[in-house]
Every structure is written in C-alpha cells, then in structure tokens.
Amino acid sequence: MPLVKRAVIAVAAVLLIAGTLPTFAQESGGARQQPAPSVATGELVKIDTSAKTLVVKTASEPEMQFSYTDATKVTGADKGVAGLATMTGSSLTVHYTKRGQNNVATEIEVQPKK
C-alpha cells in the first residue's frame, strides 16, 4: 500500500507542475506587451514645457493631466510640442498609456479649427 500511495502522490505532483508550466511560460517569456493606449479628446487648457506636462479638459472629466516625452508624436502643430504653447483652447486627441498613476502621452493630435 505505501508504494501505491507514493505513486499517487508523485503523479499528482507531476500534474500540478505540468498545469502551471504554460502559465509561467506566458508570463515570463519574451518581451512584455505594452497595454493598449487609451484615447482622450478635449480642449487644451495649459502646457508646461519645462515639466513636460499638458492639461486637457474632457467631456468625461473636468481636467486630465498628461506627461509627454521627446518620443511623443505631435501632429497638427507647428514645431511639435513647443507649438502647443500658443494653442490653448484648441481641440486635441491624446493617445496615452497609464504608468502607475501617470497618463503618458504617446501621440497628440491637434484638430483643425472649424
């Protein structure tokens, strides 16, 4: 009887380990996927080029703050992000990802004035 009991325990251990391997391989294998970017649309309230932040008034939230980097793509503004400094009140679409509590802009689109 002890031999049968040990065999059952060994088989259970093998099945338990085999069941966790695919999950472990998915979590640790290769490069981590970045979360899909979110999108916010609203009016540019202010921009701080020294802190690399901008504030947008959206329909769903009174104001959202975004940080940006040198890699942030800007379309519709002369001189990239620096051009936004003179565009307060313009309509923007901001593509961003969450990094902790921060909203990091990956792309900023200035909508043409109507």
PDB file of N, CA and C in Angstrom:
ATOM      1  N   MET A   1       0.806  -1.193   0.000  1.00  0.00           N
ATOM      2  CA  MET A   1       0.000   0.000   0.000  1.00  0.00           C
ATOM      3  C   MET A   1       0.859   1.271   0.000  1.00  0.00           C
ATOM      4  N   PRO A   2       1.951   1.368   0.739  1.00  0.00           N
ATOM      5  CA  PRO A   2       2.753   2.578   0.709  1.00  0.00           C
ATOM      6  C   PRO A   2       3.286   2.884  -0.681  1.00  0.00           C
ATOM      7  N   LEU A   3       3.596   1.880  -1.471  1.00  0.00           N
ATOM      8  CA  LEU A   3       4.098   2.096  -2.822  1.00  0.00           C
ATOM      9  C   LEU A   3       3.028   2.749  -3.693  1.00  0.00           C
ATOM     10  N   VAL A   4       1.809   2.295  -3.580  1.00  0.00           N
ATOM     11  CA  VAL A   4       0.705   2.863  -4.357  1.00  0.00           C
ATOM     12  C   VAL A   4       0.456   4.310  -3.917  1.00  0.00           C
ATOM     13  N   LYS A   5       0.520   4.549  -2.642  1.00  0.00           N
ATOM     14  CA  LYS A   5       0.305   5.896  -2.119  1.00  0.00           C
ATOM     15  C   LYS A   5       1.379   6.856  -2.632  1.00  0.00           C
ATOM     16  N   ARG A   6       2.636   6.416  -2.642  1.00  0.00           N
ATOM     17  CA  ARG A   6       3.717   7.256  -3.168  1.00  0.00           C
ATOM     18  C   ARG A   6       3.551   7.504  -4.657  1.00  0.00           C
ATOM     19  N   ALA A   7       3.089   6.513  -5.387  1.00  0.00           N
ATOM     20  CA  ALA A   7       2.889   6.677  -6.828  1.00  0.00           C
ATOM     21  C   ALA A   7       1.791   7.704  -7.105  1.00  0.00           C
ATOM     22  N   VAL A   8       0.724   7.652  -6.326  1.00  0.00           N
ATOM     23  CA  VAL A   8      -0.377   8.607  -6.495  1.00  0.00           C
ATOM     24  C   VAL A   8       0.106  10.028  -6.186  1.00  0.00           C
ATOM     25  N   ILE A   9       0.885  10.179  -5.138  1.00  0.00           N
ATOM     26  CA  ILE A   9       1.429  11.493  -4.785  1.00  0.00           C
ATOM     27  C   ILE A   9       2.366  11.998  -5.873  1.00  0.00           C
ATOM     28  N   ALA A  10       3.195  11.125  -6.414  1.00  0.00           N
ATOM     29  CA  ALA A  10       4.125  11.519  -7.475  1.00  0.00           C
ATOM     30  C   ALA A  10       3.362  11.953  -8.721  1.00  0.00           C
ATOM     31  N   VAL A  11       2.327  11.221  -9.098  1.00  0.00           N
ATOM     32  CA  VAL A  11       1.529  11.575 -10.275  1.00  0.00           C
ATOM     33  C   VAL A  11       0.825  12.915 -10.040  1.00  0.00           C
ATOM     34  N   ALA A  12       0.283  13.122  -8.849  1.00  0.00           N
ATOM     35  CA  ALA A  12      -0.394  14.379  -8.538  1.00  0.00           C
ATOM     36  C   ALA A  12       0.585  15.547  -8.619  1.00  0.00           C
ATOM     37  N   ALA A  13       1.806  15.353  -8.115  1.00  0.00           N
ATOM     38  CA  ALA A  13       2.817  16.410  -8.173  1.00  0.00           C
ATOM     39  C   ALA A  13       3.190  16.732  -9.610  1.00  0.00           C
ATOM     40  N   VAL A  14       3.351  15.729 -10.433  1.00  0.00           N
ATOM     41  CA  VAL A  14       3.695  15.948 -11.847  1.00  0.00           C
ATOM     42  C   VAL A  14       2.575  16.708 -12.546  1.00  0.00           C
ATOM     43  N   LEU A  15       1.326  16.332 -12.305  1.00  0.00           N
ATOM     44  CA  LEU A  15       0.192  17.022 -12.933  1.00  0.00           C
ATOM     45  C   LEU A  15       0.090  18.469 -12.451  1.00  0.00           C
ATOM     46  N   LEU A  16       0.355  18.690 -11.178  1.00  0.00           N
ATOM     47  CA  LEU A  16       0.319  20.047 -10.647  1.00  0.00           C
ATOM     48  C   LEU A  16       1.376  20.920 -11.297  1.00  0.00           C
ATOM     49  N   ILE A  17       2.588  20.413 -11.401  1.00  0.00           N
ATOM     50  CA  ILE A  17       3.676  21.164 -12.025  1.00  0.00           C
ATOM     51  C   ILE A  17       3.398  21.386 -13.503  1.00  0.00           C
ATOM     52  N   ALA A  18       2.928  20.359 -14.194  1.00  0.00           N
ATOM     53  CA  ALA A  18       2.646  20.475 -15.629  1.00  0.00           C
ATOM     54  C   ALA A  18       1.538  21.489 -15.887  1.00  0.00           C
ATOM     55  N   GLY A  19       0.589  21.601 -14.974  1.00  0.00           N
ATOM     56  CA  GLY A  19      -0.504  22.554 -15.142  1.00  0.00           C
ATOM     57  C   GLY A  19      -0.058  23.998 -15.000  1.00  0.00           C
ATOM     58  N   THR A  20       1.009  24.254 -14.255  1.00  0.00           N
ATOM     59  CA  THR A  20       1.468  25.622 -14.059  1.00  0.00           C
ATOM     60  C   THR A  20       2.498  26.052 -15.097  1.00  0.00           C
ATOM     61  N   LEU A  21       3.104  25.141 -15.797  1.00  0.00           N
ATOM     62  CA  LEU A  21       4.144  25.495 -16.766  1.00  0.00           C
ATOM     63  C   LEU A  21       3.650  26.410 -17.883  1.00  0.00           C
ATOM     64  N   PRO A  22       2.514  26.128 -18.524  1.00  0.00           N
ATOM     65  CA  PRO A  22       2.075  27.045 -19.598  1.00  0.00           C
ATOM     66  C   PRO A  22       1.831  28.466 -19.089  1.00  0.00           C
ATOM     67  N   THR A  23       1.275  28.617 -17.896  1.00  0.00           N
ATOM     68  CA  THR A  23       1.046  29.940 -17.332  1.00  0.00           C
ATOM     69  C   THR A  23       2.367  30.646 -17.076  1.00  0.00           C
ATOM     70  N   PHE A  24       3.313  29.949 -16.498  1.00  0.00           N
ATOM     71  CA  PHE A  24       4.621  30.526 -16.223  1.00  0.00           C
ATOM     72  C   PHE A  24       5.311  30.934 -17.516  1.00  0.00           C
ATOM     73  N   ALA A  25       5.217  30.117 -18.538  1.00  0.00           N
ATOM     74  CA  ALA A  25       5.864  30.417 -19.817  1.00  0.00           C
ATOM     75  C   ALA A  25       5.258  31.663 -20.454  1.00  0.00           C
ATOM     76  N   GLN A  26       3.950  31.839 -20.335  1.00  0.00           N
ATOM     77  CA  GLN A  26       3.306  33.018 -20.915  1.00  0.00           C
ATOM     78  C   GLN A  26       3.719  34.285 -20.184  1.00  0.00           C
ATOM     79  N   GLU A  27       3.842  34.211 -18.856  1.00  0.00           N
ATOM     80  CA  GLU A  27       4.163  35.395 -18.082  1.00  0.00           C
ATOM     81  C   GLU A  27       5.613  35.816 -18.228  1.00  0.00           C
ATOM     82  N   SER A  28       6.526  34.845 -18.335  1.00  0.00           N
ATOM     83  CA  SER A  28       7.936  35.203 -18.316  1.00  0.00           C
ATOM     84  C   SER A  28       8.591  35.172 -19.687  1.00  0.00           C
ATOM     85  N   GLY A  29       7.909  34.700 -20.685  1.00  0.00           N
ATOM     86  CA  GLY A  29       8.531  34.537 -21.990  1.00  0.00           C
ATOM     87  C   GLY A  29       8.561  35.814 -22.796  1.00  0.00           C
ATOM     88  N   GLY A  30       9.715  36.147 -23.333  1.00  0.00           N
ATOM     89  CA  GLY A  30       9.851  37.253 -24.276  1.00  0.00           C
ATOM     90  C   GLY A  30       9.589  38.612 -23.664  1.00  0.00           C
ATOM     91  N   ALA A  31       9.409  39.573 -24.541  1.00  0.00           N
ATOM     92  CA  ALA A  31       9.191  40.962 -24.116  1.00  0.00           C
ATOM     93  C   ALA A  31       7.767  41.115 -23.603  1.00  0.00           C
ATOM     94  N   ARG A  32       7.619  41.964 -22.634  1.00  0.00           N
ATOM     95  CA  ARG A  32       6.290  42.236 -22.113  1.00  0.00           C
ATOM     96  C   ARG A  32       5.513  43.089 -23.105  1.00  0.00           C
ATOM     97  N   GLN A  33       4.238  42.779 -23.234  1.00  0.00           N
ATOM     98  CA  GLN A  33       3.404  43.572 -24.122  1.00  0.00           C
ATOM     99  C   GLN A  33       2.985  44.839 -23.400  1.00  0.00           C
ATOM    100  N   GLN A  34       3.016  45.946 -24.120  1.00  0.00           N
ATOM    101  CA  GLN A  34       2.575  47.221 -23.569  1.00  0.00           C
ATOM    102  C   GLN A  34       1.047  47.236 -23.572  1.00  0.00           C
ATOM    103  N   PRO A  35       0.445  47.870 -22.576  1.00  0.00           N
ATOM    104  CA  PRO A  35      -1.012  47.973 -22.596  1.00  0.00           C
ATOM    105  C   PRO A  35      -1.463  48.810 -23.794  1.00  0.00           C
ATOM    106  N   ALA A  36      -2.647  48.496 -24.280  1.00  0.00           N
ATOM    107  CA  ALA A  36      -3.178  49.240 -25.413  1.00  0.00           C
ATOM    108  C   ALA A  36      -3.404  50.690 -24.990  1.00  0.00           C
ATOM    109  N   PRO A  37      -3.051  51.646 -25.867  1.00  0.00           N
ATOM    110  CA  PRO A  37      -3.230  53.051 -25.492  1.00  0.00           C
ATOM    111  C   PRO A  37      -4.705  53.410 -25.354  1.00  0.00           C
ATOM    112  N   SER A  38      -4.972  54.328 -24.447  1.00  0.00           N
ATOM    113  CA  SER A  38      -6.305  54.902 -24.287  1.00  0.00           C
ATOM    114  C   SER A  38      -6.325  56.207 -25.063  1.00  0.00           C
ATOM    115  N   VAL A  39      -7.521  56.746 -25.268  1.00  0.00           N
ATOM    116  CA  VAL A  39      -7.660  57.988 -26.028  1.00  0.00           C
ATOM    117  C   VAL A  39      -8.536  58.956 -25.249  1.00  0.00           C
ATOM    118  N   ALA A  40      -8.098  60.204 -25.188  1.00  0.00           N
ATOM    119  CA  ALA A  40      -8.886  61.278 -24.568  1.00  0.00           C
ATOM    120  C   ALA A  40      -8.983  62.424 -25.565  1.00  0.00           C
ATOM    121  N   THR A  41     -10.162  62.991 -25.667  1.00  0.00           N
ATOM    122  CA  THR A  41     -10.383  64.126 -26.563  1.00  0.00           C
ATOM    123  C   THR A  41     -10.917  65.284 -25.742  1.00  0.00           C
ATOM    124  N   GLY A  42     -10.383  66.461 -26.009  1.00  0.00           N
ATOM    125  CA  GLY A  42     -10.850  67.626 -25.272  1.00  0.00           C
ATOM    126  C   GLY A  42     -10.126  68.887 -25.696  1.00  0.00           C
ATOM    127  N   GLU A  43     -10.215  69.891 -24.834  1.00  0.00           N
ATOM    128  CA  GLU A  43      -9.660  71.215 -25.110  1.00  0.00           C
ATOM    129  C   GLU A  43      -8.379  71.422 -24.301  1.00  0.00           C
ATOM    130  N   LEU A  44      -7.339  71.909 -24.979  1.00  0.00           N
ATOM    131  CA  LEU A  44      -6.069  72.182 -24.313  1.00  0.00           C
ATOM    132  C   LEU A  44      -6.253  73.341 -23.334  1.00  0.00           C
ATOM    133  N   VAL A  45      -6.000  73.086 -22.045  1.00  0.00           N
ATOM    134  CA  VAL A  45      -6.138  74.110 -21.016  1.00  0.00           C
ATOM    135  C   VAL A  45      -4.806  74.801 -20.788  1.00  0.00           C
ATOM    136  N   LYS A  46      -3.745  74.000 -20.594  1.00  0.00           N
ATOM    137  CA  LYS A  46      -2.412  74.586 -20.406  1.00  0.00           C
ATOM    138  C   LYS A  46      -1.349  73.551 -20.716  1.00  0.00           C
ATOM    139  N   ILE A  47      -0.147  74.070 -20.966  1.00  0.00           N
ATOM    140  CA  ILE A  47       1.002  73.220 -21.225  1.00  0.00           C
ATOM    141  C   ILE A  47       2.201  73.795 -20.482  1.00  0.00           C
ATOM    142  N   ASP A  48       2.979  72.920 -19.890  1.00  0.00           N
ATOM    143  CA  ASP A  48       4.193  73.316 -19.184  1.00  0.00           C
ATOM    144  C   ASP A  48       5.351  72.588 -19.857  1.00  0.00           C
ATOM    145  N   THR A  49       6.071  73.309 -20.722  1.00  0.00           N
ATOM    146  CA  THR A  49       7.139  72.667 -21.492  1.00  0.00           C
ATOM    147  C   THR A  49       8.335  72.294 -20.626  1.00  0.00           C
ATOM    148  N   SER A  50       8.561  72.989 -19.511  1.00  0.00           N
ATOM    149  CA  SER A  50       9.696  72.621 -18.657  1.00  0.00           C
ATOM    150  C   SER A  50       9.391  71.351 -17.853  1.00  0.00           C
ATOM    151  N   ALA A  51       8.148  71.162 -17.423  1.00  0.00           N
ATOM    152  CA  ALA A  51       7.757  69.949 -16.700  1.00  0.00           C
ATOM    153  C   ALA A  51       7.301  68.843 -17.655  1.00  0.00           C
ATOM    154  N   LYS A  52       7.154  69.180 -18.940  1.00  0.00           N
ATOM    155  CA  LYS A  52       6.672  68.264 -19.964  1.00  0.00           C
ATOM    156  C   LYS A  52       5.311  67.671 -19.599  1.00  0.00           C
ATOM    157  N   THR A  53       4.378  68.578 -19.276  1.00  0.00           N
ATOM    158  CA  THR A  53       3.011  68.165 -18.974  1.00  0.00           C
ATOM    159  C   THR A  53       2.025  69.054 -19.724  1.00  0.00           C
ATOM    160  N   LEU A  54       0.840  68.505 -19.943  1.00  0.00           N
ATOM    161  CA  LEU A  54      -0.240  69.292 -20.516  1.00  0.00           C
ATOM    162  C   LEU A  54      -1.533  68.891 -19.832  1.00  0.00           C
ATOM    163  N   VAL A  55      -2.482  69.821 -19.804  1.00  0.00           N
ATOM    164  CA  VAL A  55      -3.773  69.591 -19.177  1.00  0.00           C
ATOM    165  C   VAL A  55      -4.844  69.763 -20.238  1.00  0.00           C
ATOM    166  N   VAL A  56      -5.762  68.793 -20.291  1.00  0.00           N
ATOM    167  CA  VAL A  56      -6.843  68.799 -21.275  1.00  0.00           C
ATOM    168  C   VAL A  56      -8.171  68.699 -20.535  1.00  0.00           C
ATOM    169  N   LYS A  57      -9.115  69.557 -20.899  1.00  0.00           N
ATOM    170  CA  LYS A  57     -10.471  69.495 -20.354  1.00  0.00           C
ATOM    171  C   LYS A  57     -11.266  68.564 -21.254  1.00  0.00           C
ATOM    172  N   THR A  58     -11.781  67.463 -20.684  1.00  0.00           N
ATOM    173  CA  THR A  58     -12.531  66.482 -21.469  1.00  0.00           C
ATOM    174  C   THR A  58     -14.006  66.524 -21.087  1.00  0.00           C
ATOM    175  N   ALA A  59     -14.824  65.847 -21.861  1.00  0.00           N
ATOM    176  CA  ALA A  59     -16.249  65.781 -21.566  1.00  0.00           C
ATOM    177  C   ALA A  59     -16.517  64.903 -20.348  1.00  0.00           C
ATOM    178  N   SER A  60     -15.709  63.856 -20.153  1.00  0.00           N
ATOM    179  CA  SER A  60     -15.958  62.912 -19.061  1.00  0.00           C
ATOM    180  C   SER A  60     -15.315  63.327 -17.743  1.00  0.00           C
ATOM    181  N   GLU A  61     -14.235  64.087 -17.798  1.00  0.00           N
ATOM    182  CA  GLU A  61     -13.550  64.529 -16.588  1.00  0.00           C
ATOM    183  C   GLU A  61     -13.263  66.022 -16.715  1.00  0.00           C
ATOM    184  N   PRO A  62     -13.316  66.740 -15.593  1.00  0.00           N
ATOM    185  CA  PRO A  62     -13.066  68.185 -15.687  1.00  0.00           C
ATOM    186  C   PRO A  62     -11.713  68.493 -16.336  1.00  0.00           C
ATOM    187  N   GLU A  63     -10.651  67.847 -15.850  1.00  0.00           N
ATOM    188  CA  GLU A  63      -9.323  68.047 -16.424  1.00  0.00           C
ATOM    189  C   GLU A  63      -8.524  66.762 -16.287  1.00  0.00           C
ATOM    190  N   MET A  64      -7.738  66.467 -17.308  1.00  0.00           N
ATOM    191  CA  MET A  64      -6.818  65.336 -17.262  1.00  0.00           C
ATOM    192  C   MET A  64      -5.419  65.867 -17.526  1.00  0.00           C
ATOM    193  N   GLN A  65      -4.466  65.404 -16.739  1.00  0.00           N
ATOM    194  CA  GLN A  65      -3.081  65.820 -16.953  1.00  0.00           C
ATOM    195  C   GLN A  65      -2.321  64.678 -17.615  1.00  0.00           C
ATOM    196  N   PHE A  66      -1.482  65.047 -18.560  1.00  0.00           N
ATOM    197  CA  PHE A  66      -0.652  64.091 -19.285  1.00  0.00           C
ATOM    198  C   PHE A  66       0.793  64.545 -19.224  1.00  0.00           C
ATOM    199  N   SER A  67       1.691  63.599 -19.121  1.00  0.00           N
ATOM    200  CA  SER A  67       3.101  63.925 -19.316  1.00  0.00           C
ATOM    201  C   SER A  67       3.454  63.477 -20.726  1.00  0.00           C
ATOM    202  N   TYR A  68       4.524  64.021 -21.259  1.00  0.00           N
ATOM    203  CA  TYR A  68       4.968  63.621 -22.590  1.00  0.00           C
ATOM    204  C   TYR A  68       6.483  63.520 -22.582  1.00  0.00           C
ATOM    205  N   THR A  69       6.993  62.856 -23.601  1.00  0.00           N
ATOM    206  CA  THR A  69       8.437  62.662 -23.728  1.00  0.00           C
ATOM    207  C   THR A  69       8.890  63.185 -25.083  1.00  0.00           C
ATOM    208  N   ASP A  70      10.180  63.107 -25.319  1.00  0.00           N
ATOM    209  CA  ASP A  70      10.706  63.511 -26.628  1.00  0.00           C
ATOM    210  C   ASP A  70      10.206  62.582 -27.729  1.00  0.00           C
ATOM    211  N   ALA A  71       9.776  61.373 -27.352  1.00  0.00           N
ATOM    212  CA  ALA A  71       9.284  60.404 -28.336  1.00  0.00           C
ATOM    213  C   ALA A  71       7.804  60.579 -28.658  1.00  0.00           C
ATOM    214  N   THR A  72       7.118  61.460 -27.940  1.00  0.00           N
ATOM    215  CA  THR A  72       5.691  61.677 -28.195  1.00  0.00           C
ATOM    216  C   THR A  72       5.508  62.306 -29.571  1.00  0.00           C
ATOM    217  N   LYS A  73       4.668  61.675 -30.388  1.00  0.00           N
ATOM    218  CA  LYS A  73       4.393  62.168 -31.740  1.00  0.00           C
ATOM    219  C   LYS A  73       3.337  63.269 -31.662  1.00  0.00           C
ATOM    220  N   VAL A  74       3.600  64.385 -32.324  1.00  0.00           N
ATOM    221  CA  VAL A  74       2.658  65.506 -32.343  1.00  0.00           C
ATOM    222  C   VAL A  74       2.312  65.815 -33.793  1.00  0.00           C
ATOM    223  N   THR A  75       1.006  65.857 -34.091  1.00  0.00           N
ATOM    224  CA  THR A  75       0.564  66.217 -35.440  1.00  0.00           C
ATOM    225  C   THR A  75      -0.393  67.406 -35.347  1.00  0.00           C
ATOM    226  N   GLY A  76      -0.332  68.274 -36.340  1.00  0.00           N
ATOM    227  CA  GLY A  76      -1.242  69.416 -36.417  1.00  0.00           C
ATOM    228  C   GLY A  76      -0.754  70.662 -35.706  1.00  0.00           C
ATOM    229  N   ALA A  77       0.469  70.631 -35.182  1.00  0.00           N
ATOM    230  CA  ALA A  77       1.023  71.810 -34.513  1.00  0.00           C
ATOM    231  C   ALA A  77       2.393  72.093 -35.099  1.00  0.00           C
ATOM    232  N   ASP A  78       2.650  73.371 -35.400  1.00  0.00           N
ATOM    233  CA  ASP A  78       3.979  73.752 -35.866  1.00  0.00           C
ATOM    234  C   ASP A  78       4.964  73.578 -34.715  1.00  0.00           C
ATOM    235  N   LYS A  79       6.145  73.131 -35.007  1.00  0.00           N
ATOM    236  CA  LYS A  79       7.215  72.970 -34.018  1.00  0.00           C
ATOM    237  C   LYS A  79       6.913  71.928 -32.951  1.00  0.00           C
ATOM    238  N   GLY A  80       6.069  70.946 -33.256  1.00  0.00           N
ATOM    239  CA  GLY A  80       5.802  69.864 -32.315  1.00  0.00           C
ATOM    240  C   GLY A  80       5.167  70.346 -31.023  1.00  0.00           C
ATOM    241  N   VAL A  81       5.629  69.778 -29.903  1.00  0.00           N
ATOM    242  CA  VAL A  81       5.049  70.114 -28.609  1.00  0.00           C
ATOM    243  C   VAL A  81       5.243  71.587 -28.287  1.00  0.00           C
ATOM    244  N   ALA A  82       6.378  72.157 -28.662  1.00  0.00           N
ATOM    245  CA  ALA A  82       6.624  73.577 -28.401  1.00  0.00           C
ATOM    246  C   ALA A  82       5.552  74.442 -29.054  1.00  0.00           C
ATOM    247  N   GLY A  83       5.031  74.027 -30.200  1.00  0.00           N
ATOM    248  CA  GLY A  83       3.984  74.766 -30.879  1.00  0.00           C
ATOM    249  C   GLY A  83       2.662  74.767 -30.129  1.00  0.00           C
ATOM    250  N   LEU A  84       2.463  73.794 -29.237  1.00  0.00           N
ATOM    251  CA  LEU A  84       1.226  73.738 -28.458  1.00  0.00           C
ATOM    252  C   LEU A  84       1.123  74.885 -27.453  1.00  0.00           C
ATOM    253  N   ALA A  85       2.261  75.476 -27.095  1.00  0.00           N
ATOM    254  CA  ALA A  85       2.271  76.548 -26.098  1.00  0.00           C
ATOM    255  C   ALA A  85       1.387  77.722 -26.506  1.00  0.00           C
ATOM    256  N   THR A  86       1.196  77.930 -27.791  1.00  0.00           N
ATOM    257  CA  THR A  86       0.376  79.052 -28.267  1.00  0.00           C
ATOM    258  C   THR A  86      -1.014  78.594 -28.718  1.00  0.00           C
ATOM    259  N   MET A  87      -1.365  77.351 -28.401  1.00  0.00           N
ATOM    260  CA  MET A  87      -2.615  76.793 -28.916  1.00  0.00           C
ATOM    261  C   MET A  87      -3.637  76.493 -27.825  1.00  0.00           C
ATOM    262  N   THR A  88      -3.576  77.198 -26.702  1.00  0.00           N
ATOM    263  CA  THR A  88      -4.555  76.997 -25.640  1.00  0.00           C
ATOM    264  C   THR A  88      -5.962  77.164 -26.201  1.00  0.00           C
ATOM    265  N   GLY A  89      -6.854  76.259 -25.833  1.00  0.00           N
ATOM    266  CA  GLY A  89      -8.226  76.293 -26.336  1.00  0.00           C
ATOM    267  C   GLY A  89      -8.445  75.417 -27.549  1.00  0.00           C
ATOM    268  N   SER A  90      -7.372  74.899 -28.138  1.00  0.00           N
ATOM    269  CA  SER A  90      -7.502  74.027 -29.311  1.00  0.00           C
ATOM    270  C   SER A  90      -8.021  72.651 -28.909  1.00  0.00           C
ATOM    271  N   SER A  91      -8.701  72.005 -29.844  1.00  0.00           N
ATOM    272  CA  SER A  91      -9.183  70.643 -29.613  1.00  0.00           C
ATOM    273  C   SER A  91      -8.055  69.662 -29.874  1.00  0.00           C
ATOM    274  N   LEU A  92      -7.877  68.722 -28.919  1.00  0.00           N
ATOM    275  CA  LEU A  92      -6.815  67.727 -29.026  1.00  0.00           C
ATOM    276  C   LEU A  92      -7.382  66.329 -28.876  1.00  0.00           C
ATOM    277  N   THR A  93      -6.702  65.393 -29.486  1.00  0.00           N
ATOM    278  CA  THR A  93      -6.911  63.981 -29.209  1.00  0.00           C
ATOM    279  C   THR A  93      -5.575  63.464 -28.704  1.00  0.00           C
ATOM    280  N   VAL A  94      -5.590  62.911 -27.488  1.00  0.00           N
ATOM    281  CA  VAL A  94      -4.364  62.435 -26.871  1.00  0.00           C
ATOM    282  C   VAL A  94      -4.435  60.918 -26.726  1.00  0.00           C
ATOM    283  N   HIS A  95      -3.483  60.230 -27.324  1.00  0.00           N
ATOM    284  CA  HIS A  95      -3.331  58.787 -27.151  1.00  0.00           C
ATOM    285  C   HIS A  95      -2.326  58.619 -26.012  1.00  0.00           C
ATOM    286  N   TYR A  96      -2.690  57.822 -25.000  1.00  0.00           N
ATOM    287  CA  TYR A  96      -1.823  57.727 -23.833  1.00  0.00           C
ATOM    288  C   TYR A  96      -1.875  56.337 -23.212  1.00  0.00           C
ATOM    289  N   THR A  97      -0.866  56.056 -22.409  1.00  0.00           N
ATOM    290  CA  THR A  97      -0.832  54.827 -21.617  1.00  0.00           C
ATOM    291  C   THR A  97      -0.708  55.212 -20.152  1.00  0.00           C
ATOM    292  N   LYS A  98      -1.156  54.325 -19.290  1.00  0.00           N
ATOM    293  CA  LYS A  98      -1.038  54.537 -17.854  1.00  0.00           C
ATOM    294  C   LYS A  98       0.286  53.937 -17.393  1.00  0.00           C
ATOM    295  N   ARG A  99       1.047  54.702 -16.647  1.00  0.00           N
ATOM    296  CA  ARG A  99       2.255  54.210 -15.982  1.00  0.00           C
ATOM    297  C   ARG A  99       2.094  54.566 -14.521  1.00  0.00           C
ATOM    298  N   GLY A 100       1.632  53.613 -13.748  1.00  0.00           N
ATOM    299  CA  GLY A 100       1.291  53.897 -12.357  1.00  0.00           C
ATOM    300  C   GLY A 100       0.095  54.831 -12.340  1.00  0.00           C
ATOM    301  N   GLN A 101       0.249  55.971 -11.707  1.00  0.00           N
ATOM    302  CA  GLN A 101      -0.829  56.970 -11.647  1.00  0.00           C
ATOM    303  C   GLN A 101      -0.732  57.999 -12.769  1.00  0.00           C
ATOM    304  N   ASN A 102       0.318  57.934 -13.585  1.00  0.00           N
ATOM    305  CA  ASN A 102       0.559  58.939 -14.621  1.00  0.00           C
ATOM    306  C   ASN A 102      -0.038  58.544 -15.963  1.00  0.00           C
ATOM    307  N   ASN A 103      -0.554  59.533 -16.672  1.00  0.00           N
ATOM    308  CA  ASN A 103      -1.004  59.367 -18.055  1.00  0.00           C
ATOM    309  C   ASN A 103       0.135  59.868 -18.941  1.00  0.00           C
ATOM    310  N   VAL A 104       0.731  58.972 -19.713  1.00  0.00           N
ATOM    311  CA  VAL A 104       1.870  59.341 -20.557  1.00  0.00           C
ATOM    312  C   VAL A 104       1.413  59.377 -22.014  1.00  0.00           C
ATOM    313  N   ALA A 105       1.467  60.565 -22.612  1.00  0.00           N
ATOM    314  CA  ALA A 105       1.021  60.747 -23.992  1.00  0.00           C
ATOM    315  C   ALA A 105       2.006  60.100 -24.956  1.00  0.00           C
ATOM    316  N   THR A 106       1.481  59.268 -25.841  1.00  0.00           N
ATOM    317  CA  THR A 106       2.302  58.675 -26.896  1.00  0.00           C
ATOM    318  C   THR A 106       2.102  59.414 -28.216  1.00  0.00           C
ATOM    319  N   GLU A 107       0.920  60.034 -28.352  1.00  0.00           N
ATOM    320  CA  GLU A 107       0.623  60.818 -29.565  1.00  0.00           C
ATOM    321  C   GLU A 107      -0.378  61.914 -29.212  1.00  0.00           C
ATOM    322  N   ILE A 108      -0.135  63.099 -29.757  1.00  0.00           N
ATOM    323  CA  ILE A 108      -1.027  64.238 -29.552  1.00  0.00           C
ATOM    324  C   ILE A 108      -1.424  64.748 -30.926  1.00  0.00           C
ATOM    325  N   GLU A 109      -2.736  64.764 -31.186  1.00  0.00           N
ATOM    326  CA  GLU A 109      -3.256  65.249 -32.458  1.00  0.00           C
ATOM    327  C   GLU A 109      -4.032  66.534 -32.221  1.00  0.00           C
ATOM    328  N   VAL A 110      -3.610  67.610 -32.864  1.00  0.00           N
ATOM    329  CA  VAL A 110      -4.333  68.873 -32.790  1.00  0.00           C
ATOM    330  C   VAL A 110      -5.372  68.834 -33.907  1.00  0.00           C
ATOM    331  N   GLN A 111      -6.648  69.030 -33.536  1.00  0.00           N
ATOM    332  CA  GLN A 111      -7.724  69.011 -34.512  1.00  0.00           C
ATOM    333  C   GLN A 111      -7.783  70.360 -35.209  1.00  0.00           C
ATOM    334  N   PRO A 112      -7.985  70.355 -36.522  1.00  0.00           N
ATOM    335  CA  PRO A 112      -8.085  71.640 -37.240  1.00  0.00           C
ATOM    336  C   PRO A 112      -9.277  72.442 -36.756  1.00  0.00           C
ATOM    337  N   LYS A 113      -9.112  73.756 -36.725  1.00  0.00           N
ATOM    338  CA  LYS A 113     -10.218  74.633 -36.303  1.00  0.00           C
ATOM    339  C   LYS A 113     -11.309  74.612 -37.358  1.00  0.00           C
ATOM    340  N   LYS A 114     -12.543  74.634 -36.888  1.00  0.00           N
ATOM    341  CA  LYS A 114     -13.694  74.587 -37.806  1.00  0.00           C
ATOM    342  C   LYS A 114     -14.170  75.964 -38.156  1.00  0.00           C
TER     343      LYS A 114
END
